[in-house]
Amino acid sequence: MRKDIIEASKLHFKAHIEKHRINVENLLEKGVGVAEHPDIMETIEKELAIIADYHDKLAVLKEYFPLKNTTNKGVINGWYKITKVTKNRP
């Protein structure tokens, strides 16, 4: 269940990033806004802010909610310590 939620969240964030990236590409290529967005630069800035928001969410998800057995995290004096988990081999 945990893995499914993490993977679904990653896909959700990546899809939103792609949607807004395409919006910016469209504005850059066509150079024409739509009636409700006459200021292309302002519209691009808004799209970039949305991309940054989803990018940050994706980064936080990857950093603090890794899939099982990839890293161990512990807080030491307010700082996160990350160590790799390795399986003991005979």
Protein backbone atom coordinates (compact mmCIF):
# COMPACT_ATOMS: atom_id res chain seq x y z
CA MET A 1 0.00 0.00 0.00
CA ARG A 2 2.80 2.45 0.94
CA LYS A 3 4.65 1.80 -2.33
CA ASP A 4 1.45 2.26 -4.37
CA ILE A 5 0.71 5.62 -2.74
CA ILE A 6 4.28 6.86 -3.24
CA GLU A 7 4.33 5.74 -6.89
CA ALA A 8 0.89 7.27 -7.56
CA SER A 9 2.02 10.54 -5.99
CA LYS A 10 5.16 10.60 -8.14
CA LEU A 11 3.10 10.02 -11.28
CA HIS A 12 0.63 12.72 -10.23
CA PHE A 13 3.38 15.30 -9.66
CA LYS A 14 5.20 14.39 -12.89
CA ALA A 15 1.97 14.66 -14.89
CA HIS A 16 1.29 18.15 -13.54
CA ILE A 17 4.87 19.19 -14.29
CA GLU A 18 4.51 17.97 -17.87
CA LYS A 19 1.12 19.68 -18.31
CA HIS A 20 2.49 23.06 -17.26
CA ARG A 21 5.77 22.56 -19.16
CA ILE A 22 3.73 22.08 -22.33
CA ASN A 23 1.77 25.25 -21.54
CA VAL A 24 5.05 27.19 -21.35
CA GLU A 25 6.34 25.58 -24.56
CA ASN A 26 3.09 26.53 -26.28
CA LEU A 27 3.40 30.15 -25.19
CA LEU A 28 7.07 30.27 -26.23
CA GLU A 29 6.45 28.72 -29.64
CA LYS A 30 3.24 30.49 -30.58
CA GLY A 31 4.02 33.80 -28.90
CA VAL A 32 0.32 34.50 -28.61
CA GLY A 33 -1.65 34.34 -25.41
CA VAL A 34 -5.32 33.68 -25.04
CA ALA A 35 -7.88 36.38 -24.31
CA GLU A 36 -7.88 35.85 -20.54
CA HIS A 37 -4.04 35.90 -20.45
CA PRO A 38 -2.91 38.94 -22.48
CA ASP A 39 0.40 39.25 -20.59
CA ILE A 40 2.44 36.30 -21.87
CA MET A 41 5.40 36.90 -19.53
CA GLU A 42 3.15 36.95 -16.48
CA THR A 43 1.38 33.81 -17.65
CA ILE A 44 4.72 32.04 -18.18
CA GLU A 45 5.85 33.09 -14.69
CA LYS A 46 2.67 31.61 -13.20
CA GLU A 47 3.19 28.37 -15.10
CA LEU A 48 6.82 28.20 -13.95
CA ALA A 49 5.73 28.76 -10.33
CA ILE A 50 3.32 25.84 -10.62
CA ILE A 51 6.07 23.66 -12.12
CA ALA A 52 8.40 24.63 -9.28
CA ASP A 53 5.74 23.75 -6.71
CA TYR A 54 5.21 20.25 -8.13
CA HIS A 55 8.97 19.80 -8.61
CA ASP A 56 9.50 20.62 -4.92
CA LYS A 57 6.77 18.17 -3.89
CA LEU A 58 8.38 15.45 -6.00
CA ALA A 59 11.81 16.18 -4.49
CA VAL A 60 10.43 16.06 -0.94
CA LEU A 61 8.66 12.78 -1.65
CA LYS A 62 11.85 11.24 -3.02
CA GLU A 63 14.02 12.59 -0.20
CA TYR A 64 11.88 11.89 2.85
CA PHE A 65 9.67 8.99 1.73
CA PRO A 66 11.91 6.57 -0.12
CA LEU A 67 10.71 3.14 -1.10
CA LYS A 68 11.48 0.48 1.52
CA ASN A 69 15.06 -0.76 1.95
CA THR A 70 16.69 2.07 0.03
CA THR A 71 17.84 4.33 2.85
CA ASN A 72 17.59 4.67 6.60
CA LYS A 73 17.07 8.13 7.98
CA GLY A 74 17.55 9.31 11.50
CA VAL A 75 17.56 12.72 13.10
CA ILE A 76 20.74 13.68 14.91
CA ASN A 77 20.69 17.08 16.61
CA GLY A 78 18.04 18.31 14.19
CA TRP A 79 19.96 17.10 11.09
CA TYR A 80 19.03 14.13 8.97
CA LYS A 81 21.58 11.40 8.66
CA ILE A 82 21.17 9.15 5.64
CA THR A 83 22.82 5.77 5.44
CA LYS A 84 22.52 3.10 2.80
CA VAL A 85 20.84 -0.15 3.75
CA THR A 86 22.73 -3.18 2.57
CA LYS A 87 21.79 -6.80 2.90
CA ASN A 88 24.22 -9.08 4.69
CA ARG A 89 25.60 -11.59 2.24
CA PRO A 90 26.98 -14.96 3.35
